[in-house]
PDB file of all heavy atoms in Angstrom:
ATOM      1  N   LYS A   1       0.843  -1.158   0.024  1.00  0.00           N
ATOM      2  CA  LYS A   1      -0.006   0.028  -0.011  1.00  0.00           C
ATOM      3  C   LYS A   1       0.901   1.250   0.011  1.00  0.00           C
ATOM      4  O   LYS A   1       1.678   1.482   0.880  1.00  0.00           O
ATOM      5  CB  LYS A   1      -0.903   0.033   1.169  1.00  0.00           C
ATOM      6  CG  LYS A   1      -1.977  -1.108   1.127  1.00  0.00           C
ATOM      7  CD  LYS A   1      -2.846  -1.214   2.401  1.00  0.00           C
ATOM      8  CE  LYS A   1      -3.851  -2.265   2.219  1.00  0.00           C
ATOM      9  NZ  LYS A   1      -4.700  -2.581   3.485  1.00  0.00           N
ATOM     10  N   LEU A   2       0.785   2.039  -1.075  1.00  0.00           N
ATOM     11  CA  LEU A   2       1.666   3.205  -1.240  1.00  0.00           C
ATOM     12  C   LEU A   2       0.938   4.399  -0.659  1.00  0.00           C
ATOM     13  O   LEU A   2      -0.296   4.530  -0.751  1.00  0.00           O
ATOM     14  CB  LEU A   2       2.041   3.409  -2.693  1.00  0.00           C
ATOM     15  CG  LEU A   2       3.128   2.491  -3.175  1.00  0.00           C
ATOM     16  CD1 LEU A   2       2.649   1.139  -3.498  1.00  0.00           C
ATOM     17  CD2 LEU A   2       3.823   3.100  -4.407  1.00  0.00           C
ATOM     18  N   ALA A   3       1.726   5.389  -0.143  1.00  0.00           N
ATOM     19  CA  ALA A   3       1.188   6.587   0.472  1.00  0.00           C
ATOM     20  C   ALA A   3       1.183   7.736  -0.507  1.00  0.00           C
ATOM     21  O   ALA A   3       1.899   7.883  -1.522  1.00  0.00           O
ATOM     22  CB  ALA A   3       2.078   6.928   1.736  1.00  0.00           C
ATOM     23  N   TYR A   4       0.354   8.755  -0.062  1.00  0.00           N
ATOM     24  CA  TYR A   4       0.222  10.037  -0.805  1.00  0.00           C
ATOM     25  C   TYR A   4       1.653  10.723  -0.936  1.00  0.00           C
ATOM     26  O   TYR A   4       1.951  11.180  -2.037  1.00  0.00           O
ATOM     27  CB  TYR A   4      -0.660  10.949  -0.100  1.00  0.00           C
ATOM     28  CG  TYR A   4      -0.831  12.338  -0.737  1.00  0.00           C
ATOM     29  CD1 TYR A   4      -1.608  12.551  -1.847  1.00  0.00           C
ATOM     30  CD2 TYR A   4      -0.020  13.366  -0.287  1.00  0.00           C
ATOM     31  CE1 TYR A   4      -1.664  13.789  -2.435  1.00  0.00           C
ATOM     32  CE2 TYR A   4      -0.143  14.676  -0.807  1.00  0.00           C
ATOM     33  CZ  TYR A   4      -0.873  14.880  -1.934  1.00  0.00           C
ATOM     34  OH  TYR A   4      -1.070  16.054  -2.522  1.00  0.00           O
ATOM     35  N   THR A   5       2.435  10.703   0.149  1.00  0.00           N
ATOM     36  CA  THR A   5       3.734  11.322   0.060  1.00  0.00           C
ATOM     37  C   THR A   5       4.638  10.723  -1.014  1.00  0.00           C
ATOM     38  O   THR A   5       5.514  11.455  -1.507  1.00  0.00           O
ATOM     39  CB  THR A   5       4.448  11.236   1.442  1.00  0.00           C
ATOM     40  OG1 THR A   5       4.497   9.925   1.813  1.00  0.00           O
ATOM     41  CG2 THR A   5       3.699  12.092   2.488  1.00  0.00           C
ATOM     42  N   THR A   6       4.462   9.474  -1.290  1.00  0.00           N
ATOM     43  CA  THR A   6       5.270   8.746  -2.276  1.00  0.00           C
ATOM     44  C   THR A   6       4.629   8.689  -3.726  1.00  0.00           C
ATOM     45  O   THR A   6       5.027   7.838  -4.467  1.00  0.00           O
ATOM     46  CB  THR A   6       5.626   7.370  -1.778  1.00  0.00           C
ATOM     47  OG1 THR A   6       4.454   6.583  -1.757  1.00  0.00           O
ATOM     48  CG2 THR A   6       6.188   7.374  -0.374  1.00  0.00           C
ATOM     49  N   ARG A   7       3.715   9.575  -3.919  1.00  0.00           N
ATOM     50  CA  ARG A   7       2.936   9.361  -5.166  1.00  0.00           C
ATOM     51  C   ARG A   7       3.736   9.547  -6.393  1.00  0.00           C
ATOM     52  O   ARG A   7       3.436   8.907  -7.492  1.00  0.00           O
ATOM     53  CB  ARG A   7       1.787  10.336  -5.162  1.00  0.00           C
ATOM     54  CG  ARG A   7       2.094  11.873  -5.314  1.00  0.00           C
ATOM     55  CD  ARG A   7       0.855  12.657  -5.092  1.00  0.00           C
ATOM     56  NE  ARG A   7       1.037  14.055  -5.292  1.00  0.00           N
ATOM     57  CZ  ARG A   7       1.734  14.850  -4.352  1.00  0.00           C
ATOM     58  NH1 ARG A   7       2.141  14.309  -3.250  1.00  0.00           N
ATOM     59  NH2 ARG A   7       1.950  16.113  -4.574  1.00  0.00           N
ATOM     60  N   HIS A   8       4.806  10.327  -6.449  1.00  0.00           N
ATOM     61  CA  HIS A   8       5.612  10.459  -7.616  1.00  0.00           C
ATOM     62  C   HIS A   8       6.500   9.238  -7.818  1.00  0.00           C
ATOM     63  O   HIS A   8       6.819   8.905  -8.972  1.00  0.00           O
ATOM     64  CB  HIS A   8       6.461  11.764  -7.532  1.00  0.00           C
ATOM     65  CG  HIS A   8       5.688  12.997  -7.399  1.00  0.00           C
ATOM     66  ND1 HIS A   8       4.762  13.409  -8.371  1.00  0.00           N
ATOM     67  CD2 HIS A   8       5.651  13.919  -6.433  1.00  0.00           C
ATOM     68  CE1 HIS A   8       4.195  14.523  -7.991  1.00  0.00           C
ATOM     69  NE2 HIS A   8       4.711  14.922  -6.850  1.00  0.00           N
ATOM     70  N   VAL A   9       6.851   8.585  -6.743  1.00  0.00           N
ATOM     71  CA  VAL A   9       7.489   7.226  -6.905  1.00  0.00           C
ATOM     72  C   VAL A   9       6.501   6.220  -7.348  1.00  0.00           C
ATOM     73  O   VAL A   9       6.842   5.317  -8.134  1.00  0.00           O
ATOM     74  CB  VAL A   9       8.129   6.826  -5.515  1.00  0.00           C
ATOM     75  CG1 VAL A   9       8.851   5.506  -5.670  1.00  0.00           C
ATOM     76  CG2 VAL A   9       9.063   7.937  -5.001  1.00  0.00           C
ATOM     77  N   ALA A  10       5.302   6.268  -6.823  1.00  0.00           N
ATOM     78  CA  ALA A  10       4.251   5.271  -7.138  1.00  0.00           C
ATOM     79  C   ALA A  10       3.923   5.196  -8.611  1.00  0.00           C
ATOM     80  O   ALA A  10       3.580   4.162  -9.117  1.00  0.00           O
ATOM     81  CB  ALA A  10       3.008   5.631  -6.391  1.00  0.00           C
ATOM     82  N   GLU A  11       4.146   6.269  -9.370  1.00  0.00           N
ATOM     83  CA  GLU A  11       3.782   6.216 -10.795  1.00  0.00           C
ATOM     84  C   GLU A  11       4.751   5.213 -11.502  1.00  0.00           C
ATOM     85  O   GLU A  11       4.201   4.416 -12.357  1.00  0.00           O
ATOM     86  CB  GLU A  11       4.081   7.644 -11.426  1.00  0.00           C
ATOM     87  CG  GLU A  11       3.093   8.716 -10.837  1.00  0.00           C
ATOM     88  CD  GLU A  11       3.537  10.111 -11.354  1.00  0.00           C
ATOM     89  OE1 GLU A  11       4.492  10.213 -12.114  1.00  0.00           O
ATOM     90  OE2 GLU A  11       2.875  11.075 -10.942  1.00  0.00           O
ATOM     91  N   ASP A  12       5.996   5.095 -11.082  1.00  0.00           N
ATOM     92  CA  ASP A  12       6.898   4.095 -11.740  1.00  0.00           C
ATOM     93  C   ASP A  12       6.520   2.693 -11.191  1.00  0.00           C
ATOM     94  O   ASP A  12       6.543   1.737 -11.990  1.00  0.00           O
ATOM     95  CB  ASP A  12       8.337   4.442 -11.422  1.00  0.00           C
ATOM     96  CG  ASP A  12       9.260   3.415 -12.130  1.00  0.00           C
ATOM     97  OD1 ASP A  12       9.353   3.386 -13.313  1.00  0.00           O
ATOM     98  OD2 ASP A  12       9.924   2.699 -11.261  1.00  0.00           O
ATOM     99  N   ILE A  13       6.314   2.628  -9.921  1.00  0.00           N
ATOM    100  CA  ILE A  13       5.995   1.282  -9.331  1.00  0.00           C
ATOM    101  C   ILE A  13       4.763   0.658  -9.958  1.00  0.00           C
ATOM    102  O   ILE A  13       4.696  -0.507 -10.257  1.00  0.00           O
ATOM    103  CB  ILE A  13       5.816   1.407  -7.842  1.00  0.00           C
ATOM    104  CG1 ILE A  13       7.219   1.798  -7.124  1.00  0.00           C
ATOM    105  CG2 ILE A  13       5.272   0.182  -7.252  1.00  0.00           C
ATOM    106  CD1 ILE A  13       7.131   2.046  -5.709  1.00  0.00           C
ATOM    107  N   ALA A  14       3.755   1.525 -10.205  1.00  0.00           N
ATOM    108  CA  ALA A  14       2.497   1.028 -10.782  1.00  0.00           C
ATOM    109  C   ALA A  14       2.672   0.486 -12.239  1.00  0.00           C
ATOM    110  O   ALA A  14       2.027  -0.444 -12.587  1.00  0.00           O
ATOM    111  CB  ALA A  14       1.430   2.162 -10.735  1.00  0.00           C
ATOM    112  N   THR A  15       3.564   1.129 -13.025  1.00  0.00           N
ATOM    113  CA  THR A  15       3.753   0.691 -14.387  1.00  0.00           C
ATOM    114  C   THR A  15       4.803  -0.408 -14.469  1.00  0.00           C
ATOM    115  O   THR A  15       4.760  -1.156 -15.438  1.00  0.00           O
ATOM    116  CB  THR A  15       4.151   1.861 -15.234  1.00  0.00           C
ATOM    117  OG1 THR A  15       5.313   2.511 -14.682  1.00  0.00           O
ATOM    118  CG2 THR A  15       3.097   2.930 -15.254  1.00  0.00           C
ATOM    119  N   SER A  16       5.751  -0.464 -13.598  1.00  0.00           N
ATOM    120  CA  SER A  16       6.859  -1.391 -13.686  1.00  0.00           C
ATOM    121  C   SER A  16       7.160  -2.053 -12.430  1.00  0.00           C
ATOM    122  O   SER A  16       6.869  -3.209 -12.155  1.00  0.00           O
ATOM    123  CB  SER A  16       8.079  -0.732 -14.364  1.00  0.00           C
ATOM    124  OG  SER A  16       9.177  -1.636 -14.288  1.00  0.00           O
ATOM    125  N   GLY A  17       7.784  -1.309 -11.586  1.00  0.00           N
ATOM    126  CA  GLY A  17       8.219  -1.808 -10.215  1.00  0.00           C
ATOM    127  C   GLY A  17       9.552  -2.651 -10.316  1.00  0.00           C
ATOM    128  O   GLY A  17       9.918  -3.215  -9.274  1.00  0.00           O
ATOM    129  N   THR A  18      10.109  -2.686 -11.462  1.00  0.00           N
ATOM    130  CA  THR A  18      11.396  -3.440 -11.618  1.00  0.00           C
ATOM    131  C   THR A  18      12.563  -2.592 -11.237  1.00  0.00           C
ATOM    132  O   THR A  18      12.577  -1.330 -11.300  1.00  0.00           O
ATOM    133  CB  THR A  18      11.532  -4.027 -12.948  1.00  0.00           C
ATOM    134  OG1 THR A  18      11.598  -2.910 -13.877  1.00  0.00           O
ATOM    135  CG2 THR A  18      10.385  -4.890 -13.309  1.00  0.00           C
ATOM    136  N   GLY A  19      13.670  -3.252 -10.846  1.00  0.00           N
ATOM    137  CA  GLY A  19      14.952  -2.517 -10.588  1.00  0.00           C
ATOM    138  C   GLY A  19      15.092  -1.981  -9.208  1.00  0.00           C
ATOM    139  O   GLY A  19      16.037  -1.184  -9.016  1.00  0.00           O
ATOM    140  N   TYR A  20      14.179  -2.368  -8.283  1.00  0.00           N
ATOM    141  CA  TYR A  20      14.296  -1.823  -6.936  1.00  0.00           C
ATOM    142  C   TYR A  20      14.842  -2.863  -6.046  1.00  0.00           C
ATOM    143  O   TYR A  20      14.737  -4.042  -6.215  1.00  0.00           O
ATOM    144  CB  TYR A  20      12.870  -1.477  -6.436  1.00  0.00           C
ATOM    145  CG  TYR A  20      12.302  -0.226  -7.091  1.00  0.00           C
ATOM    146  CD1 TYR A  20      11.406  -0.375  -8.142  1.00  0.00           C
ATOM    147  CD2 TYR A  20      12.686   1.071  -6.714  1.00  0.00           C
ATOM    148  CE1 TYR A  20      10.874   0.755  -8.811  1.00  0.00           C
ATOM    149  CE2 TYR A  20      12.119   2.151  -7.321  1.00  0.00           C
ATOM    150  CZ  TYR A  20      11.250   1.985  -8.372  1.00  0.00           C
ATOM    151  OH  TYR A  20      10.696   3.185  -8.999  1.00  0.00           O
ATOM    152  N   SER A  21      15.500  -2.337  -4.954  1.00  0.00           N
ATOM    153  CA  SER A  21      16.068  -3.220  -3.931  1.00  0.00           C
ATOM    154  C   SER A  21      15.759  -2.597  -2.580  1.00  0.00           C
ATOM    155  O   SER A  21      15.358  -1.432  -2.457  1.00  0.00           O
ATOM    156  CB  SER A  21      17.630  -3.372  -4.131  1.00  0.00           C
ATOM    157  OG  SER A  21      18.218  -2.123  -4.137  1.00  0.00           O
ATOM    158  N   LEU A  22      16.024  -3.395  -1.580  1.00  0.00           N
ATOM    159  CA  LEU A  22      15.905  -2.885  -0.167  1.00  0.00           C
ATOM    160  C   LEU A  22      17.239  -2.841   0.505  1.00  0.00           C
ATOM    161  O   LEU A  22      18.003  -3.786   0.419  1.00  0.00           O
ATOM    162  CB  LEU A  22      15.024  -3.873   0.676  1.00  0.00           C
ATOM    163  CG  LEU A  22      13.504  -3.803   0.445  1.00  0.00           C
ATOM    164  CD1 LEU A  22      12.788  -4.806   1.365  1.00  0.00           C
ATOM    165  CD2 LEU A  22      12.955  -2.388   0.829  1.00  0.00           C
ATOM    166  N   VAL A  23      17.486  -1.704   1.131  1.00  0.00           N
ATOM    167  CA  VAL A  23      18.776  -1.532   1.802  1.00  0.00           C
ATOM    168  C   VAL A  23      18.459  -1.487   3.372  1.00  0.00           C
ATOM    169  O   VAL A  23      17.660  -0.695   3.781  1.00  0.00           O
ATOM    170  CB  VAL A  23      19.458  -0.154   1.412  1.00  0.00           C
ATOM    171  CG1 VAL A  23      20.764   0.024   2.167  1.00  0.00           C
ATOM    172  CG2 VAL A  23      19.700  -0.167  -0.022  1.00  0.00           C
ATOM    173  N   ALA A  24      19.074  -2.322   4.168  1.00  0.00           N
ATOM    174  CA  ALA A  24      18.759  -2.407   5.530  1.00  0.00           C
ATOM    175  C   ALA A  24      20.112  -2.695   6.267  1.00  0.00           C
ATOM    176  O   ALA A  24      21.194  -2.855   5.655  1.00  0.00           O
ATOM    177  CB  ALA A  24      17.745  -3.561   5.759  1.00  0.00           C
ATOM    178  N   GLY A  25      19.979  -2.782   7.610  1.00  0.00           N
ATOM    179  CA  GLY A  25      21.140  -3.061   8.427  1.00  0.00           C
ATOM    180  C   GLY A  25      21.390  -2.039   9.443  1.00  0.00           C
ATOM    181  O   GLY A  25      20.870  -0.928   9.380  1.00  0.00           O
ATOM    182  N   ASP A  26      22.229  -2.387  10.430  1.00  0.00           N
ATOM    183  CA  ASP A  26      22.500  -1.494  11.537  1.00  0.00           C
ATOM    184  C   ASP A  26      23.231  -0.146  11.197  1.00  0.00           C
ATOM    185  O   ASP A  26      23.017   0.821  11.844  1.00  0.00           O
ATOM    186  CB  ASP A  26      23.421  -2.175  12.628  1.00  0.00           C
ATOM    187  CG  ASP A  26      22.585  -3.357  13.222  1.00  0.00           C
ATOM    188  OD1 ASP A  26      21.470  -3.359  13.229  1.00  0.00           O
ATOM    189  OD2 ASP A  26      23.349  -4.229  13.821  1.00  0.00           O
ATOM    190  N   GLY A  27      23.857  -0.136  10.052  1.00  0.00           N
ATOM    191  CA  GLY A  27      24.592   1.040   9.630  1.00  0.00           C
ATOM    192  C   GLY A  27      23.771   2.013   8.736  1.00  0.00           C
ATOM    193  O   GLY A  27      24.255   3.064   8.406  1.00  0.00           O
ATOM    194  N   VAL A  28      22.527   1.647   8.534  1.00  0.00           N
ATOM    195  CA  VAL A  28      21.707   2.533   7.650  1.00  0.00           C
ATOM    196  C   VAL A  28      20.951   3.557   8.544  1.00  0.00           C
ATOM    197  O   VAL A  28      20.256   3.195   9.502  1.00  0.00           O
ATOM    198  CB  VAL A  28      20.638   1.673   6.885  1.00  0.00           C
ATOM    199  CG1 VAL A  28      19.737   2.598   6.058  1.00  0.00           C
ATOM    200  CG2 VAL A  28      21.365   0.665   6.015  1.00  0.00           C
ATOM    201  N   VAL A  29      21.189   4.840   8.248  1.00  0.00           N
ATOM    202  CA  VAL A  29      20.581   5.930   8.985  1.00  0.00           C
ATOM    203  C   VAL A  29      19.647   6.625   7.997  1.00  0.00           C
ATOM    204  O   VAL A  29      20.036   7.287   7.021  1.00  0.00           O
ATOM    205  CB  VAL A  29      21.671   6.914   9.520  1.00  0.00           C
ATOM    206  CG1 VAL A  29      20.976   8.072  10.210  1.00  0.00           C
ATOM    207  CG2 VAL A  29      22.623   6.186  10.397  1.00  0.00           C
ATOM    208  N   PRO A  30      18.305   6.631   8.311  1.00  0.00           N
ATOM    209  CA  PRO A  30      17.337   7.278   7.405  1.00  0.00           C
ATOM    210  C   PRO A  30      17.346   8.771   7.545  1.00  0.00           C
ATOM    211  O   PRO A  30      17.767   9.349   8.556  1.00  0.00           O
ATOM    212  CB  PRO A  30      16.015   6.723   7.870  1.00  0.00           C
ATOM    213  CG  PRO A  30      16.217   6.360   9.311  1.00  0.00           C
ATOM    214  CD  PRO A  30      17.618   5.925   9.372  1.00  0.00           C
ATOM    215  N   ARG A  31      16.972   9.457   6.415  1.00  0.00           N
ATOM    216  CA  ARG A  31      16.868  10.868   6.439  1.00  0.00           C
ATOM    217  C   ARG A  31      15.534  11.287   5.969  1.00  0.00           C
ATOM    218  O   ARG A  31      14.803  10.494   5.341  1.00  0.00           O
ATOM    219  CB  ARG A  31      17.930  11.520   5.503  1.00  0.00           C
ATOM    220  CG  ARG A  31      19.386  11.246   5.910  1.00  0.00           C
ATOM    221  CD  ARG A  31      20.363  11.760   4.935  1.00  0.00           C
ATOM    222  NE  ARG A  31      20.095  11.145   3.611  1.00  0.00           N
ATOM    223  CZ  ARG A  31      20.774  11.401   2.500  1.00  0.00           C
ATOM    224  NH1 ARG A  31      21.711  12.478   2.521  1.00  0.00           N
ATOM    225  NH2 ARG A  31      20.507  10.857   1.287  1.00  0.00           N
ATOM    226  N   ALA A  32      15.117  12.524   6.297  1.00  0.00           N
ATOM    227  CA  ALA A  32      13.807  13.007   5.882  1.00  0.00           C
ATOM    228  C   ALA A  32      13.703  12.885   4.362  1.00  0.00           C
ATOM    229  O   ALA A  32      14.614  13.337   3.647  1.00  0.00           O
ATOM    230  CB  ALA A  32      13.575  14.415   6.325  1.00  0.00           C
ATOM    231  N   GLY A  33      12.654  12.395   3.839  1.00  0.00           N
ATOM    232  CA  GLY A  33      12.422  12.143   2.494  1.00  0.00           C
ATOM    233  C   GLY A  33      12.837  10.772   1.868  1.00  0.00           C
ATOM    234  O   GLY A  33      12.488  10.506   0.735  1.00  0.00           O
ATOM    235  N   ASP A  34      13.546   9.996   2.627  1.00  0.00           N
ATOM    236  CA  ASP A  34      13.925   8.576   2.220  1.00  0.00           C
ATOM    237  C   ASP A  34      12.613   7.783   2.131  1.00  0.00           C
ATOM    238  O   ASP A  34      11.769   7.843   3.025  1.00  0.00           O
ATOM    239  CB  ASP A  34      14.878   7.921   3.202  1.00  0.00           C
ATOM    240  CG  ASP A  34      16.325   8.494   3.018  1.00  0.00           C
ATOM    241  OD1 ASP A  34      16.544   9.136   2.030  1.00  0.00           O
ATOM    242  OD2 ASP A  34      17.087   8.158   3.925  1.00  0.00           O
ATOM    243  N   VAL A  35      12.464   7.022   1.115  1.00  0.00           N
ATOM    244  CA  VAL A  35      11.358   6.135   0.932  1.00  0.00           C
ATOM    245  C   VAL A  35      11.623   4.834   1.580  1.00  0.00           C
ATOM    246  O   VAL A  35      12.730   4.220   1.317  1.00  0.00           O
ATOM    247  CB  VAL A  35      10.940   5.965  -0.497  1.00  0.00           C
ATOM    248  CG1 VAL A  35       9.713   5.008  -0.679  1.00  0.00           C
ATOM    249  CG2 VAL A  35      10.635   7.400  -1.128  1.00  0.00           C
ATOM    250  N   VAL A  36      10.690   4.190   2.386  1.00  0.00           N
ATOM    251  CA  VAL A  36      10.918   3.017   3.030  1.00  0.00           C
ATOM    252  C   VAL A  36       9.720   2.037   2.927  1.00  0.00           C
ATOM    253  O   VAL A  36       8.570   2.482   2.849  1.00  0.00           O
ATOM    254  CB  VAL A  36      11.120   3.339   4.578  1.00  0.00           C
ATOM    255  CG1 VAL A  36       9.949   4.029   5.191  1.00  0.00           C
ATOM    256  CG2 VAL A  36      11.450   2.038   5.409  1.00  0.00           C
ATOM    257  N   LEU A  37      10.072   0.750   2.787  1.00  0.00           N
ATOM    258  CA  LEU A  37       9.082  -0.271   2.797  1.00  0.00           C
ATOM    259  C   LEU A  37       8.966  -0.762   4.285  1.00  0.00           C
ATOM    260  O   LEU A  37       9.936  -1.114   4.893  1.00  0.00           O
ATOM    261  CB  LEU A  37       9.460  -1.463   1.977  1.00  0.00           C
ATOM    262  CG  LEU A  37       8.471  -2.653   1.925  1.00  0.00           C
ATOM    263  CD1 LEU A  37       7.184  -2.201   1.239  1.00  0.00           C
ATOM    264  CD2 LEU A  37       9.134  -3.843   1.242  1.00  0.00           C
ATOM    265  N   ALA A  38       7.724  -0.721   4.840  1.00  0.00           N
ATOM    266  CA  ALA A  38       7.590  -1.087   6.243  1.00  0.00           C
ATOM    267  C   ALA A  38       6.403  -2.014   6.458  1.00  0.00           C
ATOM    268  O   ALA A  38       5.460  -2.079   5.521  1.00  0.00           O
ATOM    269  CB  ALA A  38       7.405   0.141   7.081  1.00  0.00           C
ATOM    270  N   ARG A  39       6.340  -2.722   7.530  1.00  0.00           N
ATOM    271  CA  ARG A  39       5.225  -3.641   7.762  1.00  0.00           C
ATOM    272  C   ARG A  39       4.482  -3.044   9.024  1.00  0.00           C
ATOM    273  O   ARG A  39       5.086  -2.532  10.040  1.00  0.00           O
ATOM    274  CB  ARG A  39       5.733  -4.991   8.148  1.00  0.00           C
ATOM    275  CG  ARG A  39       4.626  -6.017   8.516  1.00  0.00           C
ATOM    276  CD  ARG A  39       5.223  -7.400   8.907  1.00  0.00           C
ATOM    277  NE  ARG A  39       5.831  -8.033   7.737  1.00  0.00           N
ATOM    278  CZ  ARG A  39       7.123  -8.310   7.678  1.00  0.00           C
ATOM    279  NH1 ARG A  39       7.885  -8.013   8.682  1.00  0.00           N
ATOM    280  NH2 ARG A  39       7.602  -8.927   6.647  1.00  0.00           N
ATOM    281  N   VAL A  40       3.155  -3.001   8.861  1.00  0.00           N
ATOM    282  CA  VAL A  40       2.276  -2.561   9.983  1.00  0.00           C
ATOM    283  C   VAL A  40       2.275  -3.597  11.035  1.00  0.00           C
ATOM    284  O   VAL A  40       1.949  -4.838  10.857  1.00  0.00           O
ATOM    285  CB  VAL A  40       0.858  -2.229   9.481  1.00  0.00           C
ATOM    286  CG1 VAL A  40      -0.063  -1.843  10.714  1.00  0.00           C
ATOM    287  CG2 VAL A  40       0.898  -1.133   8.438  1.00  0.00           C
ATOM    288  N   THR A  41       2.620  -3.212  12.318  1.00  0.00           N
ATOM    289  CA  THR A  41       2.655  -4.188  13.355  1.00  0.00           C
ATOM    290  C   THR A  41       1.482  -4.053  14.392  1.00  0.00           C
ATOM    291  O   THR A  41       1.066  -4.980  15.129  1.00  0.00           O
ATOM    292  CB  THR A  41       3.983  -4.148  14.196  1.00  0.00           C
ATOM    293  OG1 THR A  41       4.145  -2.751  14.606  1.00  0.00           O
ATOM    294  CG2 THR A  41       5.150  -4.529  13.251  1.00  0.00           C
ATOM    295  N   ALA A  42       0.956  -2.802  14.561  1.00  0.00           N
ATOM    296  CA  ALA A  42      -0.138  -2.571  15.445  1.00  0.00           C
ATOM    297  C   ALA A  42      -0.956  -1.305  15.018  1.00  0.00           C
ATOM    298  O   ALA A  42      -0.323  -0.252  14.719  1.00  0.00           O
ATOM    299  CB  ALA A  42       0.361  -2.348  16.876  1.00  0.00           C
ATOM    300  N   ILE A  43      -2.224  -1.403  14.960  1.00  0.00           N
ATOM    301  CA  ILE A  43      -3.070  -0.255  14.517  1.00  0.00           C
ATOM    302  C   ILE A  43      -3.341   0.650  15.690  1.00  0.00           C
ATOM    303  O   ILE A  43      -3.717   0.198  16.782  1.00  0.00           O
ATOM    304  CB  ILE A  43      -4.405  -0.816  13.928  1.00  0.00           C
ATOM    305  CG1 ILE A  43      -4.137  -1.776  12.790  1.00  0.00           C
ATOM    306  CG2 ILE A  43      -5.266   0.376  13.487  1.00  0.00           C
ATOM    307  CD1 ILE A  43      -3.415  -1.210  11.602  1.00  0.00           C
ATOM    308  N   GLY A  44      -3.142   1.889  15.458  1.00  0.00           N
ATOM    309  CA  GLY A  44      -3.348   2.929  16.529  1.00  0.00           C
ATOM    310  C   GLY A  44      -4.196   4.109  15.906  1.00  0.00           C
ATOM    311  O   GLY A  44      -5.180   3.905  15.247  1.00  0.00           O
TER     312      GLY A  44
END
């Protein structure tokens, strides 16, 4: 489920979605504006 904030990224994902990868690990520090794939764990 893609969000409104990511709608310009979503245009490419909807038509293709190829060529993407996930970067993770203890050394990864997110910054404002980074796009992230996440799992919902609890509804609030």
